[in-house]
């Protein structure tokens, strides 16, 4: 699977001048962990995360021993532009999800904006990746079956899914063409959201 297969779109964004409180309210209401920040021309200029919004906003309780350190602090950041992270780590629509997951783990980030030709076209979060692992087997099998019928017509393939593992039974006999078709079928099935492995079985189910 590729980033474009699971990314969220259209993307909810904020601008550098958006108040921190408004951005925090948007994150809370939508259940997001980050928001891309765009300029007036819709160009990606940063990303603001929950951690960014918290930075410098919470002060010690007056009863706390650490409250004295807050007395000489200036005002807390007021706008997204003051706290956003930049430069932004991004991926392109055709980035493999395995690479997306590895990048998130390596960099310790939860969301990656997806850009194409400099334009923000989507965003992929850890939640999107987890959702691919929990997609219902019936939905997976149905989509694989539909895609294979488009490619080869109805009746050629019998499709079953169990725990994201798809089994394809080929009604055709062995042969050079059948082998090529099975390779193509494997590629088609593997690209479906939620598929973790594809097994080919010659002969009808």
Protein backbone atom coordinates (compact mmCIF):
# COMPACT_ATOMS: atom_id res chain seq x y z
CA UNK A 1 0.00 0.00 0.00
CA UNK A 2 1.00 3.58 -0.61
CA UNK A 3 0.45 6.78 1.33
CA UNK A 4 -2.28 7.85 -1.09
CA UNK A 5 -4.26 4.69 -0.26
CA UNK A 6 -4.79 5.65 3.38
CA UNK A 7 -4.16 9.39 3.67
CA UNK A 8 -6.87 11.67 5.03
CA UNK A 9 -8.21 14.27 2.62
CA UNK A 10 -9.22 17.01 2.31
CA UNK A 11 -6.79 18.23 4.93
CA UNK A 12 -7.85 20.40 7.84
CA UNK A 13 -5.27 23.19 8.10
CA UNK A 14 -4.53 26.36 10.04
CA UNK A 15 -2.54 29.49 9.23
CA UNK A 16 0.46 30.98 11.04
CA UNK A 17 -1.81 33.66 12.47
CA UNK A 18 -4.33 31.23 13.92
CA UNK A 19 -4.57 31.70 17.71
CA UNK A 20 -3.04 28.86 19.72
CA UNK A 21 -6.30 28.40 21.61
CA UNK A 22 -8.26 28.05 18.37
CA UNK A 23 -5.81 25.46 17.02
CA UNK A 24 -5.96 23.53 20.30
CA UNK A 25 -9.76 23.54 20.18
CA UNK A 26 -9.67 22.26 16.58
CA UNK A 27 -7.32 19.42 17.51
CA UNK A 28 -9.53 18.45 20.41
CA UNK A 29 -12.76 18.61 18.43
CA UNK A 30 -11.42 16.59 15.49
CA UNK A 31 -9.32 14.11 17.46
CA UNK A 32 -6.20 14.99 15.49
CA UNK A 33 -2.65 15.06 16.85
CA UNK A 34 -1.30 17.61 14.35
CA UNK A 35 -2.43 20.25 11.86
CA UNK A 36 -0.50 21.35 8.75
CA UNK A 37 0.13 25.09 8.65
CA UNK A 38 -0.34 26.82 5.30
CA UNK A 39 0.27 30.36 4.12
CA UNK A 40 -2.15 32.50 2.15
CA UNK A 41 -1.23 30.70 -1.05
CA UNK A 42 -1.91 27.25 0.42
CA UNK A 43 1.82 26.50 0.64
CA UNK A 44 2.93 24.26 3.50
CA UNK A 45 5.00 26.34 5.92
CA UNK A 46 4.92 24.21 9.07
CA UNK A 47 3.03 21.72 11.18
CA UNK A 48 1.66 22.25 14.66
CA UNK A 49 1.33 19.34 17.06
CA UNK A 50 -0.20 18.87 20.47
CA UNK A 51 3.28 19.18 21.97
CA UNK A 52 3.88 22.45 20.09
CA UNK A 53 0.65 23.94 21.42
CA UNK A 54 1.52 23.01 25.00
CA UNK A 55 5.00 24.54 24.81
CA UNK A 56 5.17 27.60 27.06
CA UNK A 57 1.43 27.63 27.73
CA UNK A 58 1.19 25.87 31.08
CA UNK A 59 2.58 27.65 34.09
CA UNK A 60 3.26 26.39 37.58
CA UNK A 61 0.51 26.60 40.13
CA UNK A 62 1.25 29.46 42.59
CA UNK A 63 1.37 26.85 45.35
CA UNK A 64 4.10 24.91 43.56
CA UNK A 65 7.79 25.32 44.46
CA UNK A 66 8.51 25.93 40.78
CA UNK A 67 6.16 28.91 40.49
CA UNK A 68 8.92 31.43 41.22
CA UNK A 69 10.55 30.62 37.89
CA UNK A 70 7.40 31.79 36.10
CA UNK A 71 7.35 35.29 37.60
CA UNK A 72 9.81 36.74 35.08
CA UNK A 73 8.53 34.88 32.07
CA UNK A 74 7.07 36.87 29.23
CA UNK A 75 3.67 36.25 27.71
CA UNK A 76 2.91 32.80 26.37
CA UNK A 77 3.00 32.29 22.58
CA UNK A 78 -0.28 33.49 21.11
CA UNK A 79 -0.26 32.23 17.52
CA UNK A 80 0.47 29.02 15.68
CA UNK A 81 3.34 30.69 13.83
CA UNK A 82 5.18 31.15 17.13
CA UNK A 83 5.08 27.48 18.11
CA UNK A 84 4.83 25.45 14.89
CA UNK A 85 7.51 22.97 13.84
CA UNK A 86 9.52 23.65 10.70
CA UNK A 87 10.89 22.55 8.34
CA UNK A 88 8.20 19.92 7.85
CA UNK A 89 8.94 16.25 7.25
CA UNK A 90 6.72 15.18 4.34
CA UNK A 91 6.07 12.23 2.05
CA UNK A 92 4.69 11.96 -1.47
CA UNK A 93 1.50 10.07 -2.44
CA UNK A 94 3.45 7.09 -3.78
CA UNK A 95 5.58 6.60 -0.66
CA UNK A 96 5.22 3.01 0.52
CA UNK A 97 3.37 2.66 3.84
CA UNK A 98 6.19 0.51 5.20
CA UNK A 99 8.52 3.47 4.68
CA UNK A 100 5.97 5.86 6.20
CA UNK A 101 5.74 3.70 9.33
CA UNK A 102 9.53 3.44 9.55
CA UNK A 103 9.92 7.21 9.23
CA UNK A 104 7.35 7.83 11.95
CA UNK A 105 9.09 5.40 14.29
CA UNK A 106 12.57 6.76 13.55
CA UNK A 107 11.62 10.43 13.96
CA UNK A 108 9.08 9.91 16.75
CA UNK A 109 6.31 11.70 14.88
CA UNK A 110 2.63 10.86 14.61
CA UNK A 111 1.58 12.55 11.37
CA UNK A 112 3.16 13.17 7.98
CA UNK A 113 1.75 15.64 5.45
CA UNK A 114 1.53 14.29 1.91
CA UNK A 115 2.63 16.68 -0.84
CA UNK A 116 2.54 16.42 -4.59
CA UNK A 117 4.30 19.01 -6.71
CA UNK A 118 4.58 21.30 -3.72
CA UNK A 119 0.84 21.07 -3.02
CA UNK A 120 -0.57 19.63 0.21
CA UNK A 121 -2.86 16.79 -0.86
CA UNK A 122 -3.33 14.75 2.32
CA UNK A 123 -1.97 13.71 5.68
CA UNK A 124 -1.12 10.27 7.07
CA UNK A 125 -1.30 9.60 10.80
CA UNK A 126 -0.42 6.64 12.96
CA UNK A 127 -4.15 6.16 13.38
CA UNK A 128 -4.49 5.73 9.60
CA UNK A 129 -1.80 3.05 9.66
CA UNK A 130 -3.40 1.23 12.58
CA UNK A 131 -6.76 1.33 10.79
CA UNK A 132 -5.28 -0.70 7.93
CA UNK A 133 -4.51 -3.48 10.40
CA UNK A 134 -8.04 -3.61 11.77
CA UNK A 135 -10.08 -3.45 8.56
CA UNK A 136 -12.79 -6.12 8.44
CA UNK A 137 -11.90 -9.24 6.46
CA UNK A 138 -15.23 -9.12 4.62
CA UNK A 139 -14.46 -5.60 3.37
CA UNK A 140 -10.96 -6.64 2.33
CA UNK A 141 -12.18 -9.70 0.42
CA UNK A 142 -14.93 -7.71 -1.27
CA UNK A 143 -12.54 -5.05 -2.53
CA UNK A 144 -9.96 -7.58 -3.71
CA UNK A 145 -12.68 -9.52 -5.53
CA UNK A 146 -13.97 -6.35 -7.19
CA UNK A 147 -10.52 -5.29 -8.37
CA UNK A 148 -9.75 -8.74 -9.75
CA UNK A 149 -13.07 -8.85 -11.60
CA UNK A 150 -12.21 -5.55 -13.24
CA UNK A 151 -8.82 -6.91 -14.29
CA UNK A 152 -9.75 -10.47 -15.31
CA UNK A 153 -13.53 -10.74 -15.37
CA UNK A 154 -15.89 -12.54 -13.03
CA UNK A 155 -15.40 -16.19 -12.14
CA UNK A 156 -11.63 -16.40 -12.43
CA UNK A 157 -10.68 -15.89 -8.79
CA UNK A 158 -12.13 -17.08 -5.52
CA UNK A 159 -11.12 -14.73 -2.71
CA UNK A 160 -11.01 -15.30 1.04
CA UNK A 161 -9.52 -13.16 3.81
CA UNK A 162 -8.59 -14.08 7.36
CA UNK A 163 -6.81 -11.64 9.64
CA UNK A 164 -5.80 -9.56 6.65
CA UNK A 165 -4.24 -12.56 4.91
CA UNK A 166 -5.86 -12.97 1.49
CA UNK A 167 -6.04 -16.36 -0.21
CA UNK A 168 -6.62 -16.43 -3.97
CA UNK A 169 -7.81 -19.60 -5.65
CA UNK A 170 -7.22 -19.60 -9.40
CA UNK A 171 -9.79 -21.46 -11.50
CA UNK A 172 -7.37 -21.72 -14.44
CA UNK A 173 -4.89 -24.53 -14.99
CA UNK A 174 -1.17 -24.06 -14.65
CA UNK A 175 0.74 -22.57 -17.55
CA UNK A 176 2.95 -19.66 -18.47
CA UNK A 177 0.01 -17.28 -18.90
CA UNK A 178 -1.58 -18.49 -15.66
CA UNK A 179 1.68 -17.84 -13.80
CA UNK A 180 1.84 -14.28 -15.17
CA UNK A 181 -1.80 -13.69 -14.27
CA UNK A 182 -1.21 -14.92 -10.73
CA UNK A 183 1.69 -12.53 -10.30
CA UNK A 184 -0.56 -9.67 -11.44
CA UNK A 185 -3.35 -10.85 -9.14
CA UNK A 186 -0.96 -10.90 -6.19
CA UNK A 187 0.09 -7.31 -6.92
CA UNK A 188 -3.54 -6.19 -7.22
CA UNK A 189 -4.53 -7.85 -3.95
CA UNK A 190 -1.48 -6.61 -2.05
CA UNK A 191 -2.38 -3.00 -2.88
CA UNK A 192 -5.76 -3.22 -1.13
CA UNK A 193 -5.99 -1.46 2.22
CA UNK A 194 -5.77 -3.90 5.11
CA UNK A 195 -4.03 -6.73 3.24
CA UNK A 196 -0.99 -7.99 5.15
CA UNK A 197 -0.15 -11.00 2.98
CA UNK A 198 -1.37 -12.73 -0.19
CA UNK A 199 -1.39 -16.50 -0.78
CA UNK A 200 -2.02 -18.10 -4.17
CA UNK A 201 -3.59 -21.54 -4.54
CA UNK A 202 -3.84 -23.11 -8.03
CA UNK A 203 -7.25 -24.58 -8.78
CA UNK A 204 -10.74 -23.66 -7.56
CA UNK A 205 -11.54 -23.39 -3.88
